[in-house]
Amino acid sequence: MSDTTPPRPASLCPRCAHETIEHITGSPVPGVWEVLQCARCLYMWRTSEPARRTRRDAYPEEFMLTPGDIGAAPEVPAVPPLLKARGRNGYQVTGSSYTP
């Protein structure tokens, strides 16, 4: 494979071996990399990452999931609300100005 040949997209999720892989986005330079996501376990990866992150046969066994593991998971953790940023001296940052 030459340096200009884009990586081949995965046909199986590296983490759970599911066959439905969604294309999320591509690199700003066409054909350099793609971001893919598994429809079952929601694992996301960029095609330019090493084989241990992009290929099922090279993915670390201790991180592989089965359908049973996914079904028994309590829930996908929610993203907590953002905290208000604090600037120097404890001032709250709001846009480009500081307010006490």
Protein backbone atom coordinates (compact mmCIF):
# COMPACT_ATOMS: atom_id res chain seq x y z
CA MET A 1 0.00 0.00 0.00
CA SER A 2 1.42 3.40 -0.94
CA ASP A 3 1.32 6.45 1.30
CA THR A 4 -1.46 7.94 -0.84
CA THR A 5 -3.77 4.91 -0.62
CA PRO A 6 -6.44 5.47 2.06
CA PRO A 7 -6.82 2.75 4.71
CA ARG A 8 -9.47 0.12 3.95
CA PRO A 9 -12.57 0.63 6.12
CA ALA A 10 -13.33 -2.07 8.66
CA SER A 11 -15.96 -4.68 7.91
CA LEU A 12 -16.27 -5.73 11.59
CA CYS A 13 -16.18 -3.70 14.77
CA PRO A 14 -12.78 -4.26 16.41
CA ARG A 15 -14.40 -4.37 19.87
CA CYS A 16 -17.61 -6.43 19.44
CA ALA A 17 -17.39 -7.93 15.91
CA HIS A 18 -20.70 -6.35 14.84
CA GLU A 19 -21.08 -5.99 11.08
CA THR A 20 -22.87 -2.62 10.98
CA ILE A 21 -20.20 0.08 10.83
CA GLU A 22 -21.26 3.68 10.23
CA HIS A 23 -19.13 6.31 8.53
CA ILE A 24 -19.16 9.38 10.82
CA THR A 25 -16.80 11.79 9.06
CA GLY A 26 -13.68 12.01 6.94
CA SER A 27 -10.44 13.94 7.12
CA PRO A 28 -10.23 17.50 5.82
CA VAL A 29 -7.82 16.12 3.22
CA PRO A 30 -9.94 13.62 1.26
CA GLY A 31 -8.95 9.96 1.61
CA VAL A 32 -6.45 10.35 4.46
CA TRP A 33 -8.64 8.89 7.22
CA GLU A 34 -12.26 8.26 8.19
CA VAL A 35 -13.99 8.12 11.56
CA LEU A 36 -16.14 4.99 11.91
CA GLN A 37 -18.57 3.90 14.63
CA CYS A 38 -20.05 0.54 15.55
CA ALA A 39 -23.85 0.59 15.59
CA ARG A 40 -23.99 -1.91 18.49
CA CYS A 41 -21.30 -1.00 21.04
CA LEU A 42 -20.75 2.62 19.87
CA TYR A 43 -16.96 2.16 19.63
CA MET A 44 -15.43 4.86 17.41
CA TRP A 45 -12.08 4.84 15.67
CA ARG A 46 -10.13 6.61 12.98
CA THR A 47 -8.95 4.39 10.13
CA SER A 48 -5.40 5.77 10.43
CA GLU A 49 -4.99 4.39 13.96
CA PRO A 50 -2.82 1.30 14.59
CA ALA A 51 -4.17 -2.20 13.94
CA ARG A 52 -4.74 -2.80 17.68
CA ARG A 53 -7.48 -0.15 17.46
CA THR A 54 -8.87 -0.81 13.98
CA ARG A 55 -8.78 -4.58 13.33
CA ARG A 56 -10.68 -7.26 15.24
CA ASP A 57 -7.83 -9.79 14.95
CA ALA A 58 -5.38 -7.32 16.57
CA TYR A 59 -7.72 -5.72 19.15
CA PRO A 60 -6.71 -6.52 22.79
CA GLU A 61 -8.74 -9.49 23.99
CA GLU A 62 -9.29 -8.00 27.46
CA PHE A 63 -11.24 -5.12 25.87
CA MET A 64 -13.38 -7.17 23.48
CA LEU A 65 -17.13 -7.27 24.15
CA THR A 66 -19.74 -9.91 23.44
CA PRO A 67 -23.44 -9.21 22.80
CA GLY A 68 -24.01 -10.53 26.34
CA ASP A 69 -21.54 -8.02 27.81
CA ILE A 70 -23.32 -5.19 26.01
CA GLY A 71 -26.79 -6.40 27.04
CA ALA A 72 -25.72 -6.70 30.69
CA ALA A 73 -24.15 -3.24 30.81
CA PRO A 74 -26.14 -1.06 33.23
CA GLU A 75 -26.25 1.96 30.86
CA VAL A 76 -24.16 4.16 28.64
CA PRO A 77 -22.75 6.79 31.03
CA ALA A 78 -24.30 10.21 30.57
CA VAL A 79 -22.08 13.19 29.87
CA PRO A 80 -22.28 15.48 32.92
CA PRO A 81 -23.20 19.14 32.47
CA LEU A 82 -20.31 21.52 31.86
CA LEU A 83 -18.96 23.39 34.86
CA LYS A 84 -18.57 27.14 34.59
CA ALA A 85 -14.96 27.98 33.86
CA ARG A 86 -13.04 29.99 36.43
CA GLY A 87 -10.36 32.44 35.43
CA ARG A 88 -7.52 33.91 37.46
CA ASN A 89 -8.35 34.99 41.00
CA GLY A 90 -11.56 32.94 40.96
CA TYR A 91 -13.43 35.13 38.47
CA GLN A 92 -15.98 33.45 36.26
CA VAL A 93 -15.06 33.51 32.60
CA THR A 94 -17.90 34.71 30.36
CA GLY A 95 -16.81 35.14 26.77
CA SER A 96 -13.80 37.43 26.62
CA SER A 97 -14.47 39.37 29.83
CA TYR A 98 -14.13 38.50 33.52
CA THR A 99 -17.00 38.97 35.96
CA PRO A 100 -16.80 38.43 39.72
